[in-house]
PDB file of N, CA and C in Angstrom:
ATOM      1  N   ALA A   1       0.815  -1.173   0.004  1.00  0.00           N
ATOM      2  CA  ALA A   1      -0.003  -0.078  -0.010  1.00  0.00           C
ATOM      3  C   ALA A   1       0.913   1.214  -0.029  1.00  0.00           C
ATOM      4  N   GLU A   2       1.973   1.211   0.739  1.00  0.00           N
ATOM      5  CA  GLU A   2       2.823   2.329   0.849  1.00  0.00           C
ATOM      6  C   GLU A   2       3.573   2.571  -0.629  1.00  0.00           C
ATOM      7  N   ALA A   3       3.795   1.482  -1.247  1.00  0.00           N
ATOM      8  CA  ALA A   3       4.368   1.549  -2.589  1.00  0.00           C
ATOM      9  C   ALA A   3       3.410   2.287  -3.706  1.00  0.00           C
ATOM     10  N   VAL A   4       2.226   1.807  -3.513  1.00  0.00           N
ATOM     11  CA  VAL A   4       1.183   2.450  -4.307  1.00  0.00           C
ATOM     12  C   VAL A   4       0.955   3.896  -3.948  1.00  0.00           C
ATOM     13  N   MET A   5       0.998   4.218  -2.683  1.00  0.00           N
ATOM     14  CA  MET A   5       0.872   5.575  -2.210  1.00  0.00           C
ATOM     15  C   MET A   5       2.066   6.472  -2.721  1.00  0.00           C
ATOM     16  N   ALA A   6       3.203   5.862  -2.670  1.00  0.00           N
ATOM     17  CA  ALA A   6       4.438   6.560  -3.109  1.00  0.00           C
ATOM     18  C   ALA A   6       4.306   6.832  -4.715  1.00  0.00           C
ATOM     19  N   ARG A   7       3.848   5.794  -5.365  1.00  0.00           N
ATOM     20  CA  ARG A   7       3.741   5.898  -6.819  1.00  0.00           C
ATOM     21  C   ARG A   7       2.801   6.947  -7.113  1.00  0.00           C
ATOM     22  N   MET A   8       1.697   6.993  -6.468  1.00  0.00           N
ATOM     23  CA  MET A   8       0.605   7.956  -6.663  1.00  0.00           C
ATOM     24  C   MET A   8       1.104   9.441  -6.313  1.00  0.00           C
ATOM     25  N   GLU A   9       1.829   9.478  -5.179  1.00  0.00           N
ATOM     26  CA  GLU A   9       2.426  10.846  -4.890  1.00  0.00           C
ATOM     27  C   GLU A   9       3.391  11.353  -5.982  1.00  0.00           C
ATOM     28  N   ALA A  10       4.160  10.427  -6.563  1.00  0.00           N
ATOM     29  CA  ALA A  10       5.058  10.724  -7.596  1.00  0.00           C
ATOM     30  C   ALA A  10       4.317  11.191  -8.795  1.00  0.00           C
ATOM     31  N   GLU A  11       3.208  10.515  -9.175  1.00  0.00           N
ATOM     32  CA  GLU A  11       2.344  10.901 -10.340  1.00  0.00           C
ATOM     33  C   GLU A  11       1.808  12.256 -10.089  1.00  0.00           C
ATOM     34  N   VAL A  12       1.307  12.617  -8.956  1.00  0.00           N
ATOM     35  CA  VAL A  12       0.768  13.854  -8.514  1.00  0.00           C
ATOM     36  C   VAL A  12       1.733  14.980  -8.700  1.00  0.00           C
ATOM     37  N   ALA A  13       3.007  14.663  -8.166  1.00  0.00           N
ATOM     38  CA  ALA A  13       3.998  15.677  -8.285  1.00  0.00           C
ATOM     39  C   ALA A  13       4.423  15.916  -9.669  1.00  0.00           C
ATOM     40  N   ALA A  14       4.374  14.944 -10.490  1.00  0.00           N
ATOM     41  CA  ALA A  14       4.789  15.040 -11.970  1.00  0.00           C
ATOM     42  C   ALA A  14       3.656  15.869 -12.592  1.00  0.00           C
ATOM     43  N   ALA A  15       2.389  15.638 -12.237  1.00  0.00           N
ATOM     44  CA  ALA A  15       1.220  16.293 -12.848  1.00  0.00           C
ATOM     45  C   ALA A  15       1.386  17.776 -12.423  1.00  0.00           C
ATOM     46  N   ARG A  16       1.630  18.059 -11.115  1.00  0.00           N
ATOM     47  CA  ARG A  16       1.802  19.417 -10.704  1.00  0.00           C
ATOM     48  C   ARG A  16       2.955  20.109 -11.365  1.00  0.00           C
ATOM     49  N   SER A  17       4.071  19.514 -11.607  1.00  0.00           N
ATOM     50  CA  SER A  17       5.066  20.156 -12.307  1.00  0.00           C
ATOM     51  C   SER A  17       4.705  20.468 -13.799  1.00  0.00           C
ATOM     52  N   GLY A  18       3.915  19.500 -14.397  1.00  0.00           N
ATOM     53  CA  GLY A  18       3.425  19.643 -15.802  1.00  0.00           C
ATOM     54  C   GLY A  18       2.443  20.831 -15.822  1.00  0.00           C
ATOM     55  N   VAL A  19       1.620  20.923 -14.798  1.00  0.00           N
ATOM     56  CA  VAL A  19       0.648  22.180 -14.670  1.00  0.00           C
ATOM     57  C   VAL A  19       1.529  23.489 -14.505  1.00  0.00           C
ATOM     58  N   VAL A  20       2.509  23.456 -13.699  1.00  0.00           N
ATOM     59  CA  VAL A  20       3.236  24.695 -13.563  1.00  0.00           C
ATOM     60  C   VAL A  20       3.968  24.949 -14.884  1.00  0.00           C
ATOM     61  N   ALA A  21       4.546  23.984 -15.611  1.00  0.00           N
ATOM     62  CA  ALA A  21       5.110  24.331 -16.857  1.00  0.00           C
ATOM     63  C   ALA A  21       4.073  24.809 -17.809  1.00  0.00           C
ATOM     64  N   ARG A  22       2.960  24.272 -17.812  1.00  0.00           N
ATOM     65  CA  ARG A  22       1.867  24.693 -18.705  1.00  0.00           C
ATOM     66  C   ARG A  22       1.519  26.199 -18.477  1.00  0.00           C
ATOM     67  N   GLU A  23       1.275  26.409 -17.213  1.00  0.00           N
ATOM     68  CA  GLU A  23       0.901  27.816 -16.800  1.00  0.00           C
ATOM     69  C   GLU A  23       2.088  28.845 -17.194  1.00  0.00           C
ATOM     70  N   GLY A  24       3.352  28.472 -17.003  1.00  0.00           N
ATOM     71  CA  GLY A  24       4.474  29.220 -17.447  1.00  0.00           C
ATOM     72  C   GLY A  24       4.406  29.531 -18.971  1.00  0.00           C
ATOM     73  N   GLU A  25       4.082  28.402 -19.726  1.00  0.00           N
ATOM     74  CA  GLU A  25       4.018  28.616 -21.229  1.00  0.00           C
ATOM     75  C   GLU A  25       2.850  29.588 -21.556  1.00  0.00           C
ATOM     76  N   VAL A  26       1.766  29.399 -20.797  1.00  0.00           N
ATOM     77  CA  VAL A  26       0.578  30.337 -21.108  1.00  0.00           C
ATOM     78  C   VAL A  26       0.973  31.752 -20.821  1.00  0.00           C
ATOM     79  N   LYS A  27       1.692  31.973 -19.725  1.00  0.00           N
ATOM     80  CA  LYS A  27       2.116  33.315 -19.469  1.00  0.00           C
ATOM     81  C   LYS A  27       3.012  33.897 -20.442  1.00  0.00           C
ATOM     82  N   ARG A  28       3.984  32.981 -20.996  1.00  0.00           N
ATOM     83  CA  ARG A  28       4.906  33.455 -21.882  1.00  0.00           C
ATOM     84  C   ARG A  28       4.182  33.846 -23.279  1.00  0.00           C
ATOM     85  N   LEU A  29       3.328  32.899 -23.621  1.00  0.00           N
ATOM     86  CA  LEU A  29       2.622  33.235 -24.932  1.00  0.00           C
ATOM     87  C   LEU A  29       1.662  34.400 -24.806  1.00  0.00           C
ATOM     88  N   THR A  30       0.988  34.583 -23.655  1.00  0.00           N
ATOM     89  CA  THR A  30       0.218  35.801 -23.429  1.00  0.00           C
ATOM     90  C   THR A  30       0.996  37.044 -23.432  1.00  0.00           C
ATOM     91  N   GLY A  31       2.230  37.004 -22.798  1.00  0.00           N
ATOM     92  CA  GLY A  31       3.154  38.191 -22.971  1.00  0.00           C
ATOM     93  C   GLY A  31       3.621  38.439 -24.360  1.00  0.00           C
ATOM     94  N   LEU A  32       3.844  37.488 -25.217  1.00  0.00           N
ATOM     95  CA  LEU A  32       4.123  37.673 -26.588  1.00  0.00           C
ATOM     96  C   LEU A  32       3.004  38.314 -27.397  1.00  0.00           C
ATOM     97  N   LEU A  33       1.786  37.853 -27.053  1.00  0.00           N
ATOM     98  CA  LEU A  33       0.587  38.320 -27.764  1.00  0.00           C
ATOM     99  C   LEU A  33       0.322  39.779 -27.361  1.00  0.00           C
ATOM    100  N   GLU A  34       0.404  40.059 -26.068  1.00  0.00           N
ATOM    101  CA  GLU A  34       0.096  41.401 -25.621  1.00  0.00           C
ATOM    102  C   GLU A  34       1.271  42.347 -26.067  1.00  0.00           C
ATOM    103  N   GLY A  35       2.555  41.982 -26.050  1.00  0.00           N
ATOM    104  CA  GLY A  35       3.631  42.784 -26.441  1.00  0.00           C
ATOM    105  C   GLY A  35       3.944  42.686 -27.784  1.00  0.00           C
ATOM    106  N   GLY A  36       3.300  41.810 -28.539  1.00  0.00           N
ATOM    107  CA  GLY A  36       3.549  41.586 -30.008  1.00  0.00           C
ATOM    108  C   GLY A  36       2.862  42.670 -30.823  1.00  0.00           C
ATOM    109  N   ARG A  37       3.056  42.501 -32.162  1.00  0.00           N
ATOM    110  CA  ARG A  37       2.400  43.548 -32.990  1.00  0.00           C
ATOM    111  C   ARG A  37       0.934  43.170 -33.237  1.00  0.00           C
ATOM    112  N   ASP A  38       0.194  44.281 -33.409  1.00  0.00           N
ATOM    113  CA  ASP A  38      -1.220  44.136 -33.734  1.00  0.00           C
ATOM    114  C   ASP A  38      -1.477  43.455 -35.030  1.00  0.00           C
ATOM    115  N   VAL A  39      -2.490  42.641 -35.068  1.00  0.00           N
ATOM    116  CA  VAL A  39      -2.768  41.855 -36.293  1.00  0.00           C
ATOM    117  C   VAL A  39      -3.211  42.747 -37.365  1.00  0.00           C
ATOM    118  N   ASP A  40      -4.028  43.816 -37.031  1.00  0.00           N
ATOM    119  CA  ASP A  40      -4.445  44.778 -38.100  1.00  0.00           C
ATOM    120  C   ASP A  40      -3.283  45.481 -38.731  1.00  0.00           C
ATOM    121  N   ILE A  41      -2.281  45.762 -37.978  1.00  0.00           N
ATOM    122  CA  ILE A  41      -1.081  46.477 -38.530  1.00  0.00           C
ATOM    123  C   ILE A  41      -0.432  45.574 -39.462  1.00  0.00           C
ATOM    124  N   LEU A  42      -0.280  44.211 -39.068  1.00  0.00           N
ATOM    125  CA  LEU A  42       0.341  43.236 -39.841  1.00  0.00           C
ATOM    126  C   LEU A  42      -0.407  43.081 -41.121  1.00  0.00           C
ATOM    127  N   VAL A  43      -1.709  43.088 -41.150  1.00  0.00           N
ATOM    128  CA  VAL A  43      -2.491  42.906 -42.395  1.00  0.00           C
ATOM    129  C   VAL A  43      -2.315  44.081 -43.271  1.00  0.00           C
ATOM    130  N   TYR A  44      -2.317  45.340 -42.667  1.00  0.00           N
ATOM    131  CA  TYR A  44      -2.114  46.590 -43.426  1.00  0.00           C
ATOM    132  C   TYR A  44      -0.705  46.658 -44.127  1.00  0.00           C
ATOM    133  N   GLN A  45       0.299  46.132 -43.331  1.00  0.00           N
ATOM    134  CA  GLN A  45       1.690  46.105 -43.953  1.00  0.00           C
ATOM    135  C   GLN A  45       1.710  45.116 -45.107  1.00  0.00           C
ATOM    136  N   ALA A  46       1.159  43.951 -45.001  1.00  0.00           N
ATOM    137  CA  ALA A  46       1.039  42.999 -45.957  1.00  0.00           C
ATOM    138  C   ALA A  46       0.395  43.511 -47.281  1.00  0.00           C
ATOM    139  N   GLN A  47      -0.667  44.261 -47.053  1.00  0.00           N
ATOM    140  CA  GLN A  47      -1.391  44.828 -48.298  1.00  0.00           C
ATOM    141  C   GLN A  47      -0.582  45.954 -48.821  1.00  0.00           C
ATOM    142  N   ALA A  48       0.073  46.691 -48.124  1.00  0.00           N
ATOM    143  CA  ALA A  48       0.973  47.834 -48.576  1.00  0.00           C
ATOM    144  C   ALA A  48       2.082  47.200 -49.425  1.00  0.00           C
ATOM    145  N   GLU A  49       2.654  46.142 -48.987  1.00  0.00           N
ATOM    146  CA  GLU A  49       3.734  45.499 -49.671  1.00  0.00           C
ATOM    147  C   GLU A  49       3.200  44.965 -50.981  1.00  0.00           C
ATOM    148  N   SER A  50       2.043  44.311 -50.934  1.00  0.00           N
ATOM    149  CA  SER A  50       1.403  43.785 -52.269  1.00  0.00           C
ATOM    150  C   SER A  50       1.084  44.924 -53.152  1.00  0.00           C
ATOM    151  N   LYS A  51       0.607  46.046 -52.649  1.00  0.00           N
ATOM    152  CA  LYS A  51       0.343  47.141 -53.616  1.00  0.00           C
ATOM    153  C   LYS A  51       1.666  47.669 -54.137  1.00  0.00           C
ATOM    154  N   ASP A  52       2.638  47.750 -53.361  1.00  0.00           N
ATOM    155  CA  ASP A  52       3.962  48.273 -53.835  1.00  0.00           C
ATOM    156  C   ASP A  52       4.593  47.372 -54.897  1.00  0.00           C
ATOM    157  N   ASP A  53       4.441  46.051 -54.736  1.00  0.00           N
ATOM    158  CA  ASP A  53       4.828  45.074 -55.760  1.00  0.00           C
ATOM    159  C   ASP A  53       4.046  45.294 -57.118  1.00  0.00           C
ATOM    160  N   LEU A  54       2.745  45.558 -56.916  1.00  0.00           N
ATOM    161  CA  LEU A  54       1.861  45.687 -58.152  1.00  0.00           C
ATOM    162  C   LEU A  54       2.367  47.036 -58.850  1.00  0.00           C
ATOM    163  N   ILE A  55       2.461  48.048 -58.061  1.00  0.00           N
ATOM    164  CA  ILE A  55       2.965  49.341 -58.647  1.00  0.00           C
ATOM    165  C   ILE A  55       4.221  49.160 -59.388  1.00  0.00           C
ATOM    166  N   MET A  56       5.206  48.472 -58.791  1.00  0.00           N
ATOM    167  CA  MET A  56       6.392  48.267 -59.402  1.00  0.00           C
ATOM    168  C   MET A  56       6.298  47.512 -60.830  1.00  0.00           C
ATOM    169  N   SER A  57       5.492  46.378 -60.742  1.00  0.00           N
ATOM    170  CA  SER A  57       5.243  45.687 -61.942  1.00  0.00           C
ATOM    171  C   SER A  57       4.598  46.504 -63.078  1.00  0.00           C
ATOM    172  N   LEU A  58       3.573  47.332 -62.690  1.00  0.00           N
ATOM    173  CA  LEU A  58       2.974  48.128 -63.610  1.00  0.00           C
ATOM    174  C   LEU A  58       3.813  49.212 -64.105  1.00  0.00           C
ATOM    175  N   THR A  59       4.697  49.737 -63.371  1.00  0.00           N
ATOM    176  CA  THR A  59       5.649  50.785 -63.736  1.00  0.00           C
ATOM    177  C   THR A  59       6.629  50.156 -64.808  1.00  0.00           C
ATOM    178  N   GLN A  60       7.065  48.895 -64.524  1.00  0.00           N
ATOM    179  CA  GLN A  60       7.967  48.283 -65.501  1.00  0.00           C
ATOM    180  C   GLN A  60       7.207  47.994 -66.816  1.00  0.00           C
ATOM    181  N   GLN A  61       5.956  47.595 -66.825  1.00  0.00           N
ATOM    182  CA  GLN A  61       5.231  47.327 -67.944  1.00  0.00           C
ATOM    183  C   GLN A  61       5.040  48.645 -68.807  1.00  0.00           C
ATOM    184  N   THR A  62       4.828  49.730 -68.006  1.00  0.00           N
ATOM    185  CA  THR A  62       4.624  51.066 -68.662  1.00  0.00           C
ATOM    186  C   THR A  62       5.898  51.435 -69.448  1.00  0.00           C
ATOM    187  N   GLU A  63       7.063  51.250 -68.784  1.00  0.00           N
ATOM    188  CA  GLU A  63       8.254  51.630 -69.328  1.00  0.00           C
ATOM    189  C   GLU A  63       8.598  50.838 -70.564  1.00  0.00           C
ATOM    190  N   HIS A  64       8.258  49.467 -70.415  1.00  0.00           N
ATOM    191  CA  HIS A  64       8.511  48.552 -71.651  1.00  0.00           C
ATOM    192  C   HIS A  64       7.572  49.029 -72.846  1.00  0.00           C
ATOM    193  N   LEU A  65       6.348  49.321 -72.532  1.00  0.00           N
ATOM    194  CA  LEU A  65       5.406  49.658 -73.572  1.00  0.00           C
ATOM    195  C   LEU A  65       5.711  51.123 -74.131  1.00  0.00           C
ATOM    196  N   THR A  66       6.323  51.922 -73.381  1.00  0.00           N
ATOM    197  CA  THR A  66       6.657  53.292 -73.873  1.00  0.00           C
ATOM    198  C   THR A  66       7.909  53.076 -74.832  1.00  0.00           C
ATOM    199  N   GLN A  67       8.769  52.345 -74.402  1.00  0.00           N
ATOM    200  CA  GLN A  67       9.978  52.024 -75.256  1.00  0.00           C
ATOM    201  C   GLN A  67       9.445  51.405 -76.628  1.00  0.00           C
ATOM    202  N   ARG A  68       8.599  50.571 -76.555  1.00  0.00           N
ATOM    203  CA  ARG A  68       7.986  49.842 -77.666  1.00  0.00           C
ATOM    204  C   ARG A  68       7.301  50.813 -78.604  1.00  0.00           C
ATOM    205  N   VAL A  69       6.582  51.786 -78.024  1.00  0.00           N
ATOM    206  CA  VAL A  69       5.874  52.752 -78.864  1.00  0.00           C
ATOM    207  C   VAL A  69       6.899  53.646 -79.510  1.00  0.00           C
ATOM    208  N   HIS A  70       7.994  54.028 -78.808  1.00  0.00           N
ATOM    209  CA  HIS A  70       9.013  54.847 -79.487  1.00  0.00           C
ATOM    210  C   HIS A  70       9.715  54.039 -80.675  1.00  0.00           C
ATOM    211  N   GLU A  71       9.886  52.755 -80.437  1.00  0.00           N
ATOM    212  CA  GLU A  71      10.515  51.956 -81.491  1.00  0.00           C
ATOM    213  C   GLU A  71       9.517  51.909 -82.721  1.00  0.00           C
ATOM    214  N   LEU A  72       8.257  51.715 -82.472  1.00  0.00           N
ATOM    215  CA  LEU A  72       7.307  51.578 -83.533  1.00  0.00           C
ATOM    216  C   LEU A  72       7.180  52.938 -84.300  1.00  0.00           C
ATOM    217  N   GLU A  73       7.180  54.060 -83.538  1.00  0.00           N
ATOM    218  CA  GLU A  73       7.035  55.357 -84.118  1.00  0.00           C
ATOM    219  C   GLU A  73       8.353  55.610 -85.039  1.00  0.00           C
ATOM    220  N   SER A  74       9.435  55.227 -84.578  1.00  0.00           N
ATOM    221  CA  SER A  74      10.655  55.312 -85.335  1.00  0.00           C
ATOM    222  C   SER A  74      10.548  54.515 -86.610  1.00  0.00           C
ATOM    223  N   ALA A  75      10.145  53.292 -86.512  1.00  0.00           N
ATOM    224  CA  ALA A  75       9.910  52.425 -87.611  1.00  0.00           C
ATOM    225  C   ALA A  75       8.955  52.967 -88.587  1.00  0.00           C
ATOM    226  N   GLY A  76       7.768  53.642 -88.070  1.00  0.00           N
ATOM    227  CA  GLY A  76       6.817  54.232 -88.893  1.00  0.00           C
ATOM    228  C   GLY A  76       7.499  55.420 -89.608  1.00  0.00           C
ATOM    229  N   LYS A  77       8.204  56.233 -88.978  1.00  0.00           N
ATOM    230  CA  LYS A  77       8.854  57.367 -89.683  1.00  0.00           C
ATOM    231  C   LYS A  77       9.854  56.919 -90.835  1.00  0.00           C
ATOM    232  N   CYS A  78      10.467  55.770 -90.582  1.00  0.00           N
ATOM    233  CA  CYS A  78      11.370  55.254 -91.582  1.00  0.00           C
ATOM    234  C   CYS A  78      10.517  54.796 -92.881  1.00  0.00           C
ATOM    235  N   ALA A  79       9.458  54.086 -92.496  1.00  0.00           N
ATOM    236  CA  ALA A  79       8.576  53.665 -93.578  1.00  0.00           C
ATOM    237  C   ALA A  79       7.899  54.766 -94.380  1.00  0.00           C
ATOM    238  N   GLU A  80       7.490  55.869 -93.677  1.00  0.00           N
ATOM    239  CA  GLU A  80       7.012  57.020 -94.421  1.00  0.00           C
ATOM    240  C   GLU A  80       8.098  57.668 -95.245  1.00  0.00           C
ATOM    241  N   ALA A  81       9.305  57.729 -94.771  1.00  0.00           N
ATOM    242  CA  ALA A  81      10.294  58.162 -95.511  1.00  0.00           C
ATOM    243  C   ALA A  81      10.670  57.472 -96.910  1.00  0.00           C
ATOM    244  N   VAL A  82      10.553  56.067 -96.718  1.00  0.00           N
ATOM    245  CA  VAL A  82      10.691  55.202 -97.842  1.00  0.00           C
ATOM    246  C   VAL A  82       9.483  55.409 -98.823  1.00  0.00           C
ATOM    247  N   LEU A  83       8.310  55.476 -98.287  1.00  0.00           N
ATOM    248  CA  LEU A  83       7.115  55.665 -99.148  1.00  0.00           C
ATOM    249  C   LEU A  83       7.245  57.012 -99.927  1.00  0.00           C
ATOM    250  N   ALA A  84       7.683  58.019 -99.137  1.00  0.00           N
ATOM    251  CA  ALA A  84       7.775  59.357 -99.698  1.00  0.00           C
ATOM    252  C   ALA A  84       8.841  59.261-100.927  1.00  0.00           C
ATOM    253  N   ALA A  85       9.914  58.544-100.593  1.00  0.00           N
ATOM    254  CA  ALA A  85      10.957  58.504-101.632  1.00  0.00           C
ATOM    255  C   ALA A  85      10.453  57.645-102.816  1.00  0.00           C
ATOM    256  N   GLU A  86       9.724  56.626-102.550  1.00  0.00           N
ATOM    257  CA  GLU A  86       9.117  55.757-103.652  1.00  0.00           C
ATOM    258  C   GLU A  86       8.181  56.624-104.369  1.00  0.00           C
ATOM    259  N   SER A  87       7.301  57.459-103.763  1.00  0.00           N
ATOM    260  CA  SER A  87       6.255  58.057-104.358  1.00  0.00           C
ATOM    261  C   SER A  87       6.912  59.214-105.208  1.00  0.00           C
ATOM    262  N   GLY A  88       8.001  59.789-104.649  1.00  0.00           N
ATOM    263  CA  GLY A  88       8.675  60.845-105.441  1.00  0.00           C
ATOM    264  C   GLY A  88       9.287  60.195-106.648  1.00  0.00           C
ATOM    265  N   GLY A  89       9.870  58.937-106.457  1.00  0.00           N
ATOM    266  CA  GLY A  89      10.445  58.343-107.665  1.00  0.00           C
ATOM    267  C   GLY A  89       9.332  57.925-108.657  1.00  0.00           C
ATOM    268  N   ALA A  90       8.058  57.621-108.136  1.00  0.00           N
ATOM    269  CA  ALA A  90       7.040  57.195-109.043  1.00  0.00           C
ATOM    270  C   ALA A  90       6.586  58.425-109.863  1.00  0.00           C
ATOM    271  N   ALA A  91       6.577  59.624-109.090  1.00  0.00           N
ATOM    272  CA  ALA A  91       6.199  60.881-109.829  1.00  0.00           C
ATOM    273  C   ALA A  91       7.097  61.162-110.861  1.00  0.00           C
ATOM    274  N   ALA A  92       8.343  61.039-110.570  1.00  0.00           N
ATOM    275  CA  ALA A  92       9.478  61.321-111.541  1.00  0.00           C
ATOM    276  C   ALA A  92       9.328  60.384-112.678  1.00  0.00           C
ATOM    277  N   ALA A  93       9.071  59.158-112.497  1.00  0.00           N
ATOM    278  CA  ALA A  93       8.805  58.090-113.480  1.00  0.00           C
ATOM    279  C   ALA A  93       7.629  58.475-114.285  1.00  0.00           C
ATOM    280  N   LEU A  94       6.546  58.999-113.766  1.00  0.00           N
ATOM    281  CA  LEU A  94       5.368  59.262-114.492  1.00  0.00           C
ATOM    282  C   LEU A  94       5.655  60.582-115.493  1.00  0.00           C
ATOM    283  N   THR A  95       6.364  61.564-114.855  1.00  0.00           N
ATOM    284  CA  THR A  95       6.753  62.672-115.585  1.00  0.00           C
ATOM    285  C   THR A  95       7.644  62.314-116.763  1.00  0.00           C
ATOM    286  N   GLU A  96       8.636  61.337-116.539  1.00  0.00           N
ATOM    287  CA  GLU A  96       9.526  60.886-117.661  1.00  0.00           C
ATOM    288  C   GLU A  96       8.683  60.233-118.686  1.00  0.00           C
ATOM    289  N   ALA A  97       7.838  59.318-118.274  1.00  0.00           N
ATOM    290  CA  ALA A  97       6.935  58.591-119.231  1.00  0.00           C
ATOM    291  C   ALA A  97       6.104  59.496-119.999  1.00  0.00           C
ATOM    292  N   ALA A  98       5.555  60.549-119.476  1.00  0.00           N
ATOM    293  CA  ALA A  98       4.714  61.615-120.281  1.00  0.00           C
ATOM    294  C   ALA A  98       5.569  62.258-121.266  1.00  0.00           C
ATOM    295  N   ASP A  99       6.965  62.714-120.835  1.00  0.00           N
ATOM    296  CA  ASP A  99       7.830  63.222-121.778  1.00  0.00           C
ATOM    297  C   ASP A  99       8.143  62.381-122.951  1.00  0.00           C
ATOM    298  N   ILE A 100       8.389  61.036-122.539  1.00  0.00           N
ATOM    299  CA  ILE A 100       8.702  60.101-123.720  1.00  0.00           C
ATOM    300  C   ILE A 100       7.567  60.013-124.655  1.00  0.00           C
ATOM    301  N   LYS A 101       6.274  59.987-124.149  1.00  0.00           N
ATOM    302  CA  LYS A 101       5.214  59.868-124.937  1.00  0.00           C
ATOM    303  C   LYS A 101       4.984  61.058-125.878  1.00  0.00           C
ATOM    304  N   ARG A 102       5.291  62.198-125.340  1.00  0.00           N
ATOM    305  CA  ARG A 102       5.221  63.516-126.222  1.00  0.00           C
ATOM    306  C   ARG A 102       6.278  63.381-127.354  1.00  0.00           C
ATOM    307  N   GLN A 103       7.414  62.884-126.802  1.00  0.00           N
ATOM    308  CA  GLN A 103       8.524  62.793-127.872  1.00  0.00           C
ATOM    309  C   GLN A 103       8.189  61.808-128.927  1.00  0.00           C
ATOM    310  N   ASN A 104       7.517  60.631-128.526  1.00  0.00           N
ATOM    311  CA  ASN A 104       7.073  59.691-129.533  1.00  0.00           C
ATOM    312  C   ASN A 104       6.052  60.257-130.478  1.00  0.00           C
ATOM    313  N   GLN A 105       5.100  60.979-129.921  1.00  0.00           N
ATOM    314  CA  GLN A 105       4.097  61.615-130.671  1.00  0.00           C
ATOM    315  C   GLN A 105       4.672  62.559-131.727  1.00  0.00           C
ATOM    316  N   ALA A 106       5.647  63.401-131.195  1.00  0.00           N
ATOM    317  CA  ALA A 106       6.346  64.356-132.160  1.00  0.00           C
ATOM    318  C   ALA A 106       7.046  63.597-133.219  1.00  0.00           C
ATOM    319  N   LEU A 107       7.748  62.568-132.886  1.00  0.00           N
ATOM    320  CA  LEU A 107       8.580  61.821-133.891  1.00  0.00           C
ATOM    321  C   LEU A 107       7.661  61.115-134.859  1.00  0.00           C
ATOM    322  N   ALA A 108       6.428  60.621-134.411  1.00  0.00           N
ATOM    323  CA  ALA A 108       5.472  59.986-135.182  1.00  0.00           C
ATOM    324  C   ALA A 108       4.982  61.034-136.182  1.00  0.00           C
ATOM    325  N   GLY A 109       4.667  62.286-135.746  1.00  0.00           N
ATOM    326  CA  GLY A 109       4.166  63.314-136.638  1.00  0.00           C
ATOM    327  C   GLY A 109       5.215  63.541-137.571  1.00  0.00           C
ATOM    328  N   GLN A 110       6.489  63.767-137.301  1.00  0.00           N
ATOM    329  CA  GLN A 110       7.526  64.077-138.203  1.00  0.00           C
ATOM    330  C   GLN A 110       7.714  62.891-139.329  1.00  0.00           C
ATOM    331  N   PHE A 111       7.496  61.690-138.714  1.00  0.00           N
ATOM    332  CA  PHE A 111       7.610  60.558-139.625  1.00  0.00           C
ATOM    333  C   PHE A 111       6.585  60.571-140.747  1.00  0.00           C
ATOM    334  N   LEU A 112       5.334  60.870-140.269  1.00  0.00           N
ATOM    335  CA  LEU A 112       4.196  61.010-141.202  1.00  0.00           C
ATOM    336  C   LEU A 112       4.386  62.081-142.192  1.00  0.00           C
ATOM    337  N   GLU A 113       4.948  63.233-141.778  1.00  0.00           N
ATOM    338  CA  GLU A 113       5.308  64.296-142.721  1.00  0.00           C
ATOM    339  C   GLU A 113       6.296  63.898-143.801  1.00  0.00           C
ATOM    340  N   LEU A 114       7.318  63.157-143.244  1.00  0.00           N
ATOM    341  CA  LEU A 114       8.353  62.726-144.217  1.00  0.00           C
ATOM    342  C   LEU A 114       7.809  61.709-145.200  1.00  0.00           C
ATOM    343  N   LYS A 115       6.936  60.935-144.773  1.00  0.00           N
ATOM    344  CA  LYS A 115       6.285  59.870-145.553  1.00  0.00           C
ATOM    345  C   LYS A 115       5.543  60.413-146.611  1.00  0.00           C
ATOM    346  N   ARG A 116       4.757  61.518-146.311  1.00  0.00           N
ATOM    347  CA  ARG A 116       3.909  62.160-147.320  1.00  0.00           C
ATOM    348  C   ARG A 116       4.726  62.864-148.394  1.00  0.00           C
ATOM    349  N   ARG A 117       5.825  63.232-148.197  1.00  0.00           N
ATOM    350  CA  ARG A 117       6.711  64.029-149.203  1.00  0.00           C
ATOM    351  C   ARG A 117       7.130  63.017-150.242  1.00  0.00           C
TER     352      ARG A 117
END
C-alpha cells in the first residue's frame, strides 16, 4: 500500500510540475501576444507590400510599352520616308513617261510628214 501511495504521490508531483510548466508557457505566450504586433497592422503592412509590388510591376510594364511605342514610331517614320521616296520616284517616272510619250508623238508626226513627201 505504501508503494502504491508513493507511486501516486510521484504521479501527482509530476502532474503538478506539468501544470506549472503549462501555466508558465501560457504566461509566456500571453506576454508575446500582448507585447507583440497588432494583427491589423500586420495585415495593413502585407497589403501595402502587395500594392507596392503591383505598382512596381505596372511601372515596368509602362516603361516597356513606352519604349516599344518609340520603336514603332521610329519604324513608322522610316517607312514614311521610304514611301515618300518611292512616291517621289514614281512621280518622276510618270513625268518621264509623259515626256517620252510626247517625244514619240512628235517623232510620229515628223515621220508621217516625211512619208507624205
